């Protein structure tokens, strides 16, 4: 089981139950990748300037790698875990966590098509 830590969770004081649920989903998705995966740090940011209104920023970091993505401010059960699993597997963030206007307006690498 890889080591998962949460150096910052801005939901902790506002909504402890949601903070716990999101941390559990992140940890479960990371642990599913197997014990040989490097340690993972996760920050759950409510007041991140780059996240669209009504969204939380999830920041995942490993040595030499950091990524940020937005999820709904009140995610459905399993939604954050699904997104984390997809990101850690290199598949990007699933459509289920992004409103259509964000997905449509997001720049895409050359040679790729919307999914």
PDB file of N, CA and C in Angstrom:
ATOM      1  N   UNK A   1       0.853  -1.167   0.000  1.00  0.00           N
ATOM      2  CA  UNK A   1       0.000   0.000   0.000  1.00  0.00           C
ATOM      3  C   UNK A   1       0.902   1.234   0.000  1.00  0.00           C
ATOM      4  N   UNK A   2       0.687   2.149  -0.953  1.00  0.00           N
ATOM      5  CA  UNK A   2       1.520   3.353  -0.999  1.00  0.00           C
ATOM      6  C   UNK A   2       1.113   4.320   0.116  1.00  0.00           C
ATOM      7  N   UNK A   3       2.054   5.145   0.508  1.00  0.00           N
ATOM      8  CA  UNK A   3       1.827   6.132   1.560  1.00  0.00           C
ATOM      9  C   UNK A   3       1.065   7.314   0.975  1.00  0.00           C
ATOM     10  N   UNK A   4      -0.057   7.687   1.596  1.00  0.00           N
ATOM     11  CA  UNK A   4      -0.860   8.831   1.163  1.00  0.00           C
ATOM     12  C   UNK A   4      -0.974   9.792   2.340  1.00  0.00           C
ATOM     13  N   UNK A   5      -0.651  11.063   2.091  1.00  0.00           N
ATOM     14  CA  UNK A   5      -0.783  12.073   3.150  1.00  0.00           C
ATOM     15  C   UNK A   5      -1.599  13.249   2.634  1.00  0.00           C
ATOM     16  N   UNK A   6      -2.160  13.988   3.578  1.00  0.00           N
ATOM     17  CA  UNK A   6      -3.013  15.137   3.273  1.00  0.00           C
ATOM     18  C   UNK A   6      -2.488  16.350   4.036  1.00  0.00           C
ATOM     19  N   UNK A   7      -1.462  17.028   3.482  1.00  0.00           N
ATOM     20  CA  UNK A   7      -0.890  18.172   4.191  1.00  0.00           C
ATOM     21  C   UNK A   7      -1.857  19.350   4.322  1.00  0.00           C
ATOM     22  N   UNK A   8      -2.876  19.390   3.473  1.00  0.00           N
ATOM     23  CA  UNK A   8      -3.844  20.491   3.559  1.00  0.00           C
ATOM     24  C   UNK A   8      -5.204  20.007   3.066  1.00  0.00           C
ATOM     25  N   UNK A   9      -6.225  20.272   3.865  1.00  0.00           N
ATOM     26  CA  UNK A   9      -7.602  19.991   3.475  1.00  0.00           C
ATOM     27  C   UNK A   9      -8.443  21.158   3.977  1.00  0.00           C
ATOM     28  N   UNK A  10      -8.757  22.083   3.080  1.00  0.00           N
ATOM     29  CA  UNK A  10      -9.478  23.294   3.465  1.00  0.00           C
ATOM     30  C   UNK A  10     -10.941  23.030   3.795  1.00  0.00           C
ATOM     31  N   UNK A  11     -11.410  21.814   3.605  1.00  0.00           N
ATOM     32  CA  UNK A  11     -12.784  21.471   3.995  1.00  0.00           C
ATOM     33  C   UNK A  11     -12.873  21.067   5.462  1.00  0.00           C
ATOM     34  N   UNK A  12     -11.732  20.754   6.054  1.00  0.00           N
ATOM     35  CA  UNK A  12     -11.704  20.178   7.404  1.00  0.00           C
ATOM     36  C   UNK A  12     -12.525  20.983   8.415  1.00  0.00           C
ATOM     37  N   UNK A  13     -12.381  22.301   8.455  1.00  0.00           N
ATOM     38  CA  UNK A  13     -13.093  23.098   9.459  1.00  0.00           C
ATOM     39  C   UNK A  13     -14.536  23.395   9.043  1.00  0.00           C
ATOM     40  N   UNK A  14     -14.804  23.423   7.762  1.00  0.00           N
ATOM     41  CA  UNK A  14     -16.132  23.784   7.261  1.00  0.00           C
ATOM     42  C   UNK A  14     -17.081  22.590   7.206  1.00  0.00           C
ATOM     43  N   UNK A  15     -16.571  21.437   6.759  1.00  0.00           N
ATOM     44  CA  UNK A  15     -17.414  20.256   6.584  1.00  0.00           C
ATOM     45  C   UNK A  15     -16.568  19.012   6.842  1.00  0.00           C
ATOM     46  N   UNK A  16     -16.359  18.666   8.126  1.00  0.00           N
ATOM     47  CA  UNK A  16     -15.481  17.544   8.456  1.00  0.00           C
ATOM     48  C   UNK A  16     -15.895  16.216   7.819  1.00  0.00           C
ATOM     49  N   UNK A  17     -17.193  15.970   7.704  1.00  0.00           N
ATOM     50  CA  UNK A  17     -17.657  14.706   7.112  1.00  0.00           C
ATOM     51  C   UNK A  17     -17.261  14.624   5.634  1.00  0.00           C
ATOM     52  N   UNK A  18     -17.446  15.714   4.901  1.00  0.00           N
ATOM     53  CA  UNK A  18     -17.059  15.730   3.489  1.00  0.00           C
ATOM     54  C   UNK A  18     -15.541  15.630   3.360  1.00  0.00           C
ATOM     55  N   UNK A  19     -14.818  16.316   4.236  1.00  0.00           N
ATOM     56  CA  UNK A  19     -13.353  16.238   4.223  1.00  0.00           C
ATOM     57  C   UNK A  19     -12.894  14.796   4.414  1.00  0.00           C
ATOM     58  N   UNK A  20     -13.489  14.102   5.358  1.00  0.00           N
ATOM     59  CA  UNK A  20     -13.135  12.700   5.612  1.00  0.00           C
ATOM     60  C   UNK A  20     -13.472  11.814   4.412  1.00  0.00           C
ATOM     61  N   UNK A  21     -14.645  12.038   3.814  1.00  0.00           N
ATOM     62  CA  UNK A  21     -15.065  11.208   2.679  1.00  0.00           C
ATOM     63  C   UNK A  21     -14.125  11.387   1.499  1.00  0.00           C
ATOM     64  N   UNK A  22     -13.765  12.636   1.197  1.00  0.00           N
ATOM     65  CA  UNK A  22     -12.874  12.883   0.065  1.00  0.00           C
ATOM     66  C   UNK A  22     -11.494  12.282   0.335  1.00  0.00           C
ATOM     67  N   UNK A  23     -10.981  12.443   1.543  1.00  0.00           N
ATOM     68  CA  UNK A  23      -9.688  11.840   1.880  1.00  0.00           C
ATOM     69  C   UNK A  23      -9.746  10.320   1.728  1.00  0.00           C
ATOM     70  N   UNK A  24     -10.835   9.712   2.172  1.00  0.00           N
ATOM     71  CA  UNK A  24     -10.972   8.252   2.057  1.00  0.00           C
ATOM     72  C   UNK A  24     -10.999   7.818   0.597  1.00  0.00           C
ATOM     73  N   UNK A  25     -11.701   8.568  -0.255  1.00  0.00           N
ATOM     74  CA  UNK A  25     -11.759   8.226  -1.675  1.00  0.00           C
ATOM     75  C   UNK A  25     -10.396   8.360  -2.345  1.00  0.00           C
ATOM     76  N   UNK A  26      -9.668   9.419  -2.009  1.00  0.00           N
ATOM     77  CA  UNK A  26      -8.332   9.623  -2.568  1.00  0.00           C
ATOM     78  C   UNK A  26      -7.412   8.483  -2.139  1.00  0.00           C
ATOM     79  N   UNK A  27      -7.428   8.173  -0.849  1.00  0.00           N
ATOM     80  CA  UNK A  27      -6.562   7.107  -0.328  1.00  0.00           C
ATOM     81  C   UNK A  27      -6.899   5.762  -0.962  1.00  0.00           C
ATOM     82  N   UNK A  28      -8.185   5.459  -1.090  1.00  0.00           N
ATOM     83  CA  UNK A  28      -8.597   4.188  -1.697  1.00  0.00           C
ATOM     84  C   UNK A  28      -8.131   4.092  -3.154  1.00  0.00           C
ATOM     85  N   UNK A  29      -8.286   5.170  -3.902  1.00  0.00           N
ATOM     86  CA  UNK A  29      -7.844   5.163  -5.304  1.00  0.00           C
ATOM     87  C   UNK A  29      -6.330   4.999  -5.403  1.00  0.00           C
ATOM     88  N   UNK A  30      -5.592   5.663  -4.516  1.00  0.00           N
ATOM     89  CA  UNK A  30      -4.127   5.553  -4.528  1.00  0.00           C
ATOM     90  C   UNK A  30      -3.681   4.152  -4.126  1.00  0.00           C
ATOM     91  N   UNK A  31      -4.310   3.588  -3.122  1.00  0.00           N
ATOM     92  CA  UNK A  31      -3.938   2.256  -2.651  1.00  0.00           C
ATOM     93  C   UNK A  31      -4.259   1.192  -3.699  1.00  0.00           C
ATOM     94  N   UNK A  32      -5.299   1.404  -4.489  1.00  0.00           N
ATOM     95  CA  UNK A  32      -5.657   0.448  -5.537  1.00  0.00           C
ATOM     96  C   UNK A  32      -4.580   0.339  -6.615  1.00  0.00           C
ATOM     97  N   UNK A  33      -3.735   1.352  -6.725  1.00  0.00           N
ATOM     98  CA  UNK A  33      -2.641   1.329  -7.707  1.00  0.00           C
ATOM     99  C   UNK A  33      -1.544   0.348  -7.307  1.00  0.00           C
ATOM    100  N   UNK A  34      -1.531  -0.072  -6.043  1.00  0.00           N
ATOM    101  CA  UNK A  34      -0.569  -1.077  -5.610  1.00  0.00           C
ATOM    102  C   UNK A  34       0.505  -0.537  -4.688  1.00  0.00           C
ATOM    103  N   UNK A  35       1.214  -1.452  -4.026  1.00  0.00           N
ATOM    104  CA  UNK A  35       2.188  -1.069  -3.003  1.00  0.00           C
ATOM    105  C   UNK A  35       3.481  -0.477  -3.560  1.00  0.00           C
ATOM    106  N   UNK A  36       3.745  -0.649  -4.831  1.00  0.00           N
ATOM    107  CA  UNK A  36       5.007  -0.161  -5.389  1.00  0.00           C
ATOM    108  C   UNK A  36       4.929   1.295  -5.857  1.00  0.00           C
ATOM    109  N   UNK A  37       3.761   1.878  -5.775  1.00  0.00           N
ATOM    110  CA  UNK A  37       3.602   3.276  -6.184  1.00  0.00           C
ATOM    111  C   UNK A  37       4.321   4.188  -5.190  1.00  0.00           C
ATOM    112  N   UNK A  38       4.916   5.274  -5.686  1.00  0.00           N
ATOM    113  CA  UNK A  38       5.575   6.213  -4.768  1.00  0.00           C
ATOM    114  C   UNK A  38       4.564   6.933  -3.873  1.00  0.00           C
ATOM    115  N   UNK A  39       5.065   7.477  -2.767  1.00  0.00           N
ATOM    116  CA  UNK A  39       4.220   8.214  -1.822  1.00  0.00           C
ATOM    117  C   UNK A  39       3.457   9.328  -2.550  1.00  0.00           C
ATOM    118  N   UNK A  40       2.249   9.587  -2.100  1.00  0.00           N
ATOM    119  CA  UNK A  40       1.383  10.588  -2.726  1.00  0.00           C
ATOM    120  C   UNK A  40       0.944  11.593  -1.675  1.00  0.00           C
ATOM    121  N   UNK A  41       1.040  12.871  -2.018  1.00  0.00           N
ATOM    122  CA  UNK A  41       0.481  13.936  -1.183  1.00  0.00           C
ATOM    123  C   UNK A  41      -0.738  14.486  -1.899  1.00  0.00           C
ATOM    124  N   UNK A  42      -1.768  14.796  -1.127  1.00  0.00           N
ATOM    125  CA  UNK A  42      -2.988  15.357  -1.701  1.00  0.00           C
ATOM    126  C   UNK A  42      -3.385  16.589  -0.906  1.00  0.00           C
ATOM    127  N   UNK A  43      -3.640  17.666  -1.624  1.00  0.00           N
ATOM    128  CA  UNK A  43      -4.198  18.880  -1.027  1.00  0.00           C
ATOM    129  C   UNK A  43      -5.603  19.065  -1.585  1.00  0.00           C
ATOM    130  N   UNK A  44      -6.536  19.355  -0.696  1.00  0.00           N
ATOM    131  CA  UNK A  44      -7.922  19.617  -1.084  1.00  0.00           C
ATOM    132  C   UNK A  44      -8.146  21.093  -0.803  1.00  0.00           C
ATOM    133  N   UNK A  45      -8.288  21.852  -1.875  1.00  0.00           N
ATOM    134  CA  UNK A  45      -8.277  23.314  -1.772  1.00  0.00           C
ATOM    135  C   UNK A  45      -9.635  23.881  -2.165  1.00  0.00           C
ATOM    136  N   UNK A  46     -10.221  24.617  -1.248  1.00  0.00           N
ATOM    137  CA  UNK A  46     -11.520  25.245  -1.479  1.00  0.00           C
ATOM    138  C   UNK A  46     -11.351  26.647  -2.063  1.00  0.00           C
ATOM    139  N   UNK A  47     -10.288  27.308  -1.709  1.00  0.00           N
ATOM    140  CA  UNK A  47     -10.117  28.699  -2.113  1.00  0.00           C
ATOM    141  C   UNK A  47      -8.935  28.840  -3.065  1.00  0.00           C
ATOM    142  N   UNK A  48      -8.891  27.992  -4.063  1.00  0.00           N
ATOM    143  CA  UNK A  48      -7.822  28.046  -5.057  1.00  0.00           C
ATOM    144  C   UNK A  48      -8.286  28.939  -6.197  1.00  0.00           C
ATOM    145  N   UNK A  49      -7.520  29.937  -6.541  1.00  0.00           N
ATOM    146  CA  UNK A  49      -7.957  30.925  -7.540  1.00  0.00           C
ATOM    147  C   UNK A  49      -8.134  30.322  -8.921  1.00  0.00           C
ATOM    148  N   UNK A  50      -7.510  29.199  -9.222  1.00  0.00           N
ATOM    149  CA  UNK A  50      -7.622  28.638 -10.569  1.00  0.00           C
ATOM    150  C   UNK A  50      -8.863  27.770 -10.748  1.00  0.00           C
ATOM    151  N   UNK A  51      -9.542  27.392  -9.675  1.00  0.00           N
ATOM    152  CA  UNK A  51     -10.732  26.554  -9.803  1.00  0.00           C
ATOM    153  C   UNK A  51     -11.940  27.412 -10.160  1.00  0.00           C
ATOM    154  N   UNK A  52     -12.770  26.936 -11.078  1.00  0.00           N
ATOM    155  CA  UNK A  52     -14.001  27.673 -11.387  1.00  0.00           C
ATOM    156  C   UNK A  52     -14.909  27.739 -10.159  1.00  0.00           C
ATOM    157  N   UNK A  53     -15.783  28.718 -10.132  1.00  0.00           N
ATOM    158  CA  UNK A  53     -16.742  28.873  -9.022  1.00  0.00           C
ATOM    159  C   UNK A  53     -17.526  27.566  -8.835  1.00  0.00           C
ATOM    160  N   UNK A  54     -17.714  27.184  -7.574  1.00  0.00           N
ATOM    161  CA  UNK A  54     -18.461  25.971  -7.275  1.00  0.00           C
ATOM    162  C   UNK A  54     -17.647  24.698  -7.413  1.00  0.00           C
ATOM    163  N   UNK A  55     -16.329  24.832  -7.456  1.00  0.00           N
ATOM    164  CA  UNK A  55     -15.466  23.674  -7.640  1.00  0.00           C
ATOM    165  C   UNK A  55     -14.387  23.640  -6.564  1.00  0.00           C
ATOM    166  N   UNK A  56     -13.913  22.467  -6.252  1.00  0.00           N
ATOM    167  CA  UNK A  56     -12.769  22.276  -5.374  1.00  0.00           C
ATOM    168  C   UNK A  56     -11.570  21.929  -6.240  1.00  0.00           C
ATOM    169  N   UNK A  57     -10.391  22.301  -5.809  1.00  0.00           N
ATOM    170  CA  UNK A  57      -9.176  21.882  -6.503  1.00  0.00           C
ATOM    171  C   UNK A  57      -8.563  20.723  -5.729  1.00  0.00           C
ATOM    172  N   UNK A  58      -8.282  19.655  -6.439  1.00  0.00           N
ATOM    173  CA  UNK A  58      -7.555  18.524  -5.885  1.00  0.00           C
ATOM    174  C   UNK A  58      -6.146  18.607  -6.455  1.00  0.00           C
ATOM    175  N   UNK A  59      -5.160  18.659  -5.585  1.00  0.00           N
ATOM    176  CA  UNK A  59      -3.765  18.690  -6.027  1.00  0.00           C
ATOM    177  C   UNK A  59      -3.103  17.399  -5.577  1.00  0.00           C
ATOM    178  N   UNK A  60      -2.573  16.648  -6.541  1.00  0.00           N
ATOM    179  CA  UNK A  60      -1.847  15.414  -6.252  1.00  0.00           C
ATOM    180  C   UNK A  60      -0.383  15.662  -6.542  1.00  0.00           C
ATOM    181  N   UNK A  61       0.487  15.187  -5.653  1.00  0.00           N
ATOM    182  CA  UNK A  61       1.927  15.409  -5.837  1.00  0.00           C
ATOM    183  C   UNK A  61       2.708  14.168  -5.436  1.00  0.00           C
ATOM    184  N   UNK A  62       3.679  13.869  -6.284  1.00  0.00           N
ATOM    185  CA  UNK A  62       4.686  12.844  -6.013  1.00  0.00           C
ATOM    186  C   UNK A  62       6.022  13.470  -6.361  1.00  0.00           C
ATOM    187  N   UNK A  63       7.091  12.860  -5.938  1.00  0.00           N
ATOM    188  CA  UNK A  63       8.409  13.409  -6.255  1.00  0.00           C
ATOM    189  C   UNK A  63       8.534  13.599  -7.769  1.00  0.00           C
ATOM    190  N   UNK A  64       8.767  14.850  -8.183  1.00  0.00           N
ATOM    191  CA  UNK A  64       8.941  15.169  -9.591  1.00  0.00           C
ATOM    192  C   UNK A  64       7.654  15.301 -10.394  1.00  0.00           C
ATOM    193  N   UNK A  65       6.499  15.272  -9.751  1.00  0.00           N
ATOM    194  CA  UNK A  65       5.219  15.311 -10.468  1.00  0.00           C
ATOM    195  C   UNK A  65       4.152  15.979  -9.607  1.00  0.00           C
ATOM    196  N   UNK A  66       3.428  16.918 -10.193  1.00  0.00           N
ATOM    197  CA  UNK A  66       2.306  17.573  -9.513  1.00  0.00           C
ATOM    198  C   UNK A  66       1.217  17.803 -10.546  1.00  0.00           C
ATOM    199  N   UNK A  67      -0.027  17.593 -10.158  1.00  0.00           N
ATOM    200  CA  UNK A  67      -1.147  17.914 -11.036  1.00  0.00           C
ATOM    201  C   UNK A  67      -2.302  18.460 -10.204  1.00  0.00           C
ATOM    202  N   UNK A  68      -3.085  19.324 -10.812  1.00  0.00           N
ATOM    203  CA  UNK A  68      -4.271  19.908 -10.191  1.00  0.00           C
ATOM    204  C   UNK A  68      -5.460  19.652 -11.099  1.00  0.00           C
ATOM    205  N   UNK A  69      -6.600  19.403 -10.497  1.00  0.00           N
ATOM    206  CA  UNK A  69      -7.836  19.314 -11.272  1.00  0.00           C
ATOM    207  C   UNK A  69      -8.998  19.700 -10.372  1.00  0.00           C
ATOM    208  N   UNK A  70     -10.084  20.114 -10.994  1.00  0.00           N
ATOM    209  CA  UNK A  70     -11.252  20.576 -10.240  1.00  0.00           C
ATOM    210  C   UNK A  70     -12.320  19.491 -10.203  1.00  0.00           C
ATOM    211  N   UNK A  71     -13.014  19.435  -9.080  1.00  0.00           N
ATOM    212  CA  UNK A  71     -14.161  18.547  -8.903  1.00  0.00           C
ATOM    213  C   UNK A  71     -15.302  19.396  -8.344  1.00  0.00           C
ATOM    214  N   UNK A  72     -16.539  18.900  -8.412  1.00  0.00           N
ATOM    215  CA  UNK A  72     -17.642  19.682  -7.851  1.00  0.00           C
ATOM    216  C   UNK A  72     -17.425  19.981  -6.372  1.00  0.00           C
ATOM    217  N   UNK A  73     -17.926  21.125  -5.951  1.00  0.00           N
ATOM    218  CA  UNK A  73     -17.807  21.539  -4.546  1.00  0.00           C
ATOM    219  C   UNK A  73     -18.499  20.539  -3.610  1.00  0.00           C
ATOM    220  N   UNK A  74     -19.564  19.912  -4.089  1.00  0.00           N
ATOM    221  CA  UNK A  74     -20.268  18.872  -3.325  1.00  0.00           C
ATOM    222  C   UNK A  74     -20.300  17.609  -4.192  1.00  0.00           C
ATOM    223  N   UNK A  75     -19.177  16.897  -4.291  1.00  0.00           N
ATOM    224  CA  UNK A  75     -19.112  15.744  -5.184  1.00  0.00           C
ATOM    225  C   UNK A  75     -20.005  14.603  -4.725  1.00  0.00           C
ATOM    226  N   UNK A  76     -20.501  13.856  -5.688  1.00  0.00           N
ATOM    227  CA  UNK A  76     -21.268  12.659  -5.375  1.00  0.00           C
ATOM    228  C   UNK A  76     -20.330  11.619  -4.777  1.00  0.00           C
ATOM    229  N   UNK A  77     -20.857  10.712  -3.953  1.00  0.00           N
ATOM    230  CA  UNK A  77     -19.995   9.655  -3.414  1.00  0.00           C
ATOM    231  C   UNK A  77     -19.314   8.886  -4.559  1.00  0.00           C
ATOM    232  N   UNK A  78     -18.018   8.703  -4.438  1.00  0.00           N
ATOM    233  CA  UNK A  78     -17.248   7.990  -5.443  1.00  0.00           C
ATOM    234  C   UNK A  78     -16.686   8.850  -6.557  1.00  0.00           C
ATOM    235  N   UNK A  79     -17.183  10.056  -6.714  1.00  0.00           N
ATOM    236  CA  UNK A  79     -16.783  10.918  -7.820  1.00  0.00           C
ATOM    237  C   UNK A  79     -15.317  11.347  -7.732  1.00  0.00           C
ATOM    238  N   UNK A  80     -14.858  11.704  -6.548  1.00  0.00           N
ATOM    239  CA  UNK A  80     -13.465  12.117  -6.387  1.00  0.00           C
ATOM    240  C   UNK A  80     -12.546  10.908  -6.569  1.00  0.00           C
ATOM    241  N   UNK A  81     -12.922   9.782  -5.998  1.00  0.00           N
ATOM    242  CA  UNK A  81     -12.117   8.569  -6.148  1.00  0.00           C
ATOM    243  C   UNK A  81     -11.962   8.168  -7.607  1.00  0.00           C
ATOM    244  N   UNK A  82     -13.049   8.267  -8.373  1.00  0.00           N
ATOM    245  CA  UNK A  82     -13.007   7.956  -9.805  1.00  0.00           C
ATOM    246  C   UNK A  82     -12.035   8.892 -10.523  1.00  0.00           C
ATOM    247  N   UNK A  83     -12.100  10.165 -10.200  1.00  0.00           N
ATOM    248  CA  UNK A  83     -11.217  11.141 -10.841  1.00  0.00           C
ATOM    249  C   UNK A  83      -9.758  10.878 -10.485  1.00  0.00           C
ATOM    250  N   UNK A  84      -9.486  10.613  -9.210  1.00  0.00           N
ATOM    251  CA  UNK A  84      -8.117  10.356  -8.766  1.00  0.00           C
ATOM    252  C   UNK A  84      -7.580   9.092  -9.435  1.00  0.00           C
ATOM    253  N   UNK A  85      -8.389   8.038  -9.486  1.00  0.00           N
ATOM    254  CA  UNK A  85      -7.948   6.792 -10.122  1.00  0.00           C
ATOM    255  C   UNK A  85      -7.597   7.032 -11.587  1.00  0.00           C
ATOM    256  N   UNK A  86      -8.423   7.804 -12.288  1.00  0.00           N
ATOM    257  CA  UNK A  86      -8.163   8.088 -13.704  1.00  0.00           C
ATOM    258  C   UNK A  86      -6.887   8.901 -13.876  1.00  0.00           C
ATOM    259  N   UNK A  87      -6.707   9.910 -13.043  1.00  0.00           N
ATOM    260  CA  UNK A  87      -5.508  10.755 -13.139  1.00  0.00           C
ATOM    261  C   UNK A  87      -4.251   9.943 -12.842  1.00  0.00           C
ATOM    262  N   UNK A  88      -4.282   9.141 -11.788  1.00  0.00           N
ATOM    263  CA  UNK A  88      -3.112   8.340 -11.441  1.00  0.00           C
ATOM    264  C   UNK A  88      -2.791   7.291 -12.507  1.00  0.00           C
ATOM    265  N   UNK A  89      -3.806   6.856 -13.239  1.00  0.00           N
ATOM    266  CA  UNK A  89      -3.596   5.877 -14.309  1.00  0.00           C
ATOM    267  C   UNK A  89      -3.170   6.548 -15.619  1.00  0.00           C
ATOM    268  N   UNK A  90      -3.117   7.886 -15.619  1.00  0.00           N
ATOM    269  CA  UNK A  90      -2.706   8.610 -16.816  1.00  0.00           C
ATOM    270  C   UNK A  90      -3.811   8.812 -17.832  1.00  0.00           C
ATOM    271  N   UNK A  91      -5.078   8.658 -17.412  1.00  0.00           N
ATOM    272  CA  UNK A  91      -6.207   8.795 -18.339  1.00  0.00           C
ATOM    273  C   UNK A  91      -6.854  10.176 -18.300  1.00  0.00           C
ATOM    274  N   UNK A  92      -6.351  11.090 -17.489  1.00  0.00           N
ATOM    275  CA  UNK A  92      -6.976  12.409 -17.374  1.00  0.00           C
ATOM    276  C   UNK A  92      -8.175  12.357 -16.453  1.00  0.00           C
ATOM    277  N   UNK A  93      -8.853  13.476 -16.322  1.00  0.00           N
ATOM    278  CA  UNK A  93     -10.010  13.585 -15.424  1.00  0.00           C
ATOM    279  C   UNK A  93     -11.261  13.157 -16.183  1.00  0.00           C
ATOM    280  N   UNK A  94     -12.069  12.263 -15.615  1.00  0.00           N
ATOM    281  CA  UNK A  94     -13.283  11.818 -16.303  1.00  0.00           C
ATOM    282  C   UNK A  94     -14.298  12.946 -16.488  1.00  0.00           C
ATOM    283  N   UNK A  95     -15.095  12.850 -17.523  1.00  0.00           N
ATOM    284  CA  UNK A  95     -16.134  13.852 -17.810  1.00  0.00           C
ATOM    285  C   UNK A  95     -17.092  14.046 -16.653  1.00  0.00           C
ATOM    286  N   UNK A  96     -17.309  13.024 -15.862  1.00  0.00           N
ATOM    287  CA  UNK A  96     -18.309  13.096 -14.796  1.00  0.00           C
ATOM    288  C   UNK A  96     -17.965  14.128 -13.731  1.00  0.00           C
ATOM    289  N   UNK A  97     -16.729  14.626 -13.693  1.00  0.00           N
ATOM    290  CA  UNK A  97     -16.393  15.616 -12.680  1.00  0.00           C
ATOM    291  C   UNK A  97     -16.287  17.018 -13.251  1.00  0.00           C
ATOM    292  N   UNK A  98     -16.547  17.203 -14.535  1.00  0.00           N
ATOM    293  CA  UNK A  98     -16.416  18.530 -15.127  1.00  0.00           C
ATOM    294  C   UNK A  98     -17.672  18.955 -15.848  1.00  0.00           C
ATOM    295  N   UNK A  99     -18.140  20.168 -15.582  1.00  0.00           N
ATOM    296  CA  UNK A  99     -19.295  20.652 -16.348  1.00  0.00           C
ATOM    297  C   UNK A  99     -18.913  20.804 -17.810  1.00  0.00           C
ATOM    298  N   UNK A 100     -19.872  20.654 -18.682  1.00  0.00           N
ATOM    299  CA  UNK A 100     -19.622  20.677 -20.128  1.00  0.00           C
ATOM    300  C   UNK A 100     -18.870  21.920 -20.587  1.00  0.00           C
ATOM    301  N   UNK A 101     -19.203  23.082 -20.018  1.00  0.00           N
ATOM    302  CA  UNK A 101     -18.531  24.292 -20.491  1.00  0.00           C
ATOM    303  C   UNK A 101     -17.042  24.292 -20.161  1.00  0.00           C
ATOM    304  N   UNK A 102     -16.657  23.675 -19.053  1.00  0.00           N
ATOM    305  CA  UNK A 102     -15.239  23.592 -18.714  1.00  0.00           C
ATOM    306  C   UNK A 102     -14.549  22.629 -19.661  1.00  0.00           C
ATOM    307  N   UNK A 103     -15.169  21.483 -19.921  1.00  0.00           N
ATOM    308  CA  UNK A 103     -14.569  20.500 -20.819  1.00  0.00           C
ATOM    309  C   UNK A 103     -14.472  21.044 -22.242  1.00  0.00           C
ATOM    310  N   UNK A 104     -15.501  21.740 -22.684  1.00  0.00           N
ATOM    311  CA  UNK A 104     -15.517  22.261 -24.050  1.00  0.00           C
ATOM    312  C   UNK A 104     -14.448  23.331 -24.237  1.00  0.00           C
ATOM    313  N   UNK A 105     -14.243  24.176 -23.236  1.00  0.00           N
ATOM    314  CA  UNK A 105     -13.325  25.304 -23.368  1.00  0.00           C
ATOM    315  C   UNK A 105     -11.880  24.972 -22.991  1.00  0.00           C
ATOM    316  N   UNK A 106     -11.645  23.796 -22.443  1.00  0.00           N
ATOM    317  CA  UNK A 106     -10.298  23.430 -22.024  1.00  0.00           C
ATOM    318  C   UNK A 106      -9.426  23.178 -23.253  1.00  0.00           C
ATOM    319  N   UNK A 107      -8.229  23.763 -23.311  1.00  0.00           N
ATOM    320  CA  UNK A 107      -7.346  23.517 -24.438  1.00  0.00           C
ATOM    321  C   UNK A 107      -6.949  22.052 -24.494  1.00  0.00           C
ATOM    322  N   UNK A 108      -6.882  21.506 -25.686  1.00  0.00           N
ATOM    323  CA  UNK A 108      -6.513  20.102 -25.878  1.00  0.00           C
ATOM    324  C   UNK A 108      -5.192  20.019 -26.599  1.00  0.00           C
ATOM    325  N   UNK A 109      -4.385  19.015 -26.264  1.00  0.00           N
ATOM    326  CA  UNK A 109      -3.132  18.844 -26.990  1.00  0.00           C
ATOM    327  C   UNK A 109      -3.399  18.609 -28.472  1.00  0.00           C
ATOM    328  N   UNK A 110      -2.501  19.025 -29.307  1.00  0.00           N
ATOM    329  CA  UNK A 110      -2.625  18.839 -30.743  1.00  0.00           C
ATOM    330  C   UNK A 110      -2.738  17.347 -31.058  1.00  0.00           C
ATOM    331  N   UNK A 111      -3.638  17.015 -31.979  1.00  0.00           N
ATOM    332  CA  UNK A 111      -3.794  15.637 -32.405  1.00  0.00           C
ATOM    333  C   UNK A 111      -4.723  14.810 -31.559  1.00  0.00           C
ATOM    334  N   UNK A 112      -5.449  15.441 -30.609  1.00  0.00           N
ATOM    335  CA  UNK A 112      -6.393  14.691 -29.796  1.00  0.00           C
ATOM    336  C   UNK A 112      -7.792  15.199 -30.093  1.00  0.00           C
ATOM    337  N   UNK A 113      -8.766  14.375 -29.803  1.00  0.00           N
ATOM    338  CA  UNK A 113     -10.150  14.797 -30.008  1.00  0.00           C
ATOM    339  C   UNK A 113     -10.885  14.707 -28.688  1.00  0.00           C
ATOM    340  N   UNK A 114     -11.953  15.484 -28.522  1.00  0.00           N
ATOM    341  CA  UNK A 114     -12.736  15.420 -27.277  1.00  0.00           C
ATOM    342  C   UNK A 114     -13.303  14.030 -27.095  1.00  0.00           C
ATOM    343  N   UNK A 115     -13.414  13.595 -25.840  1.00  0.00           N
ATOM    344  CA  UNK A 115     -13.984  12.285 -25.570  1.00  0.00           C
ATOM    345  C   UNK A 115     -15.362  12.407 -25.028  1.00  0.00           C
TER     346      UNK A 115
END
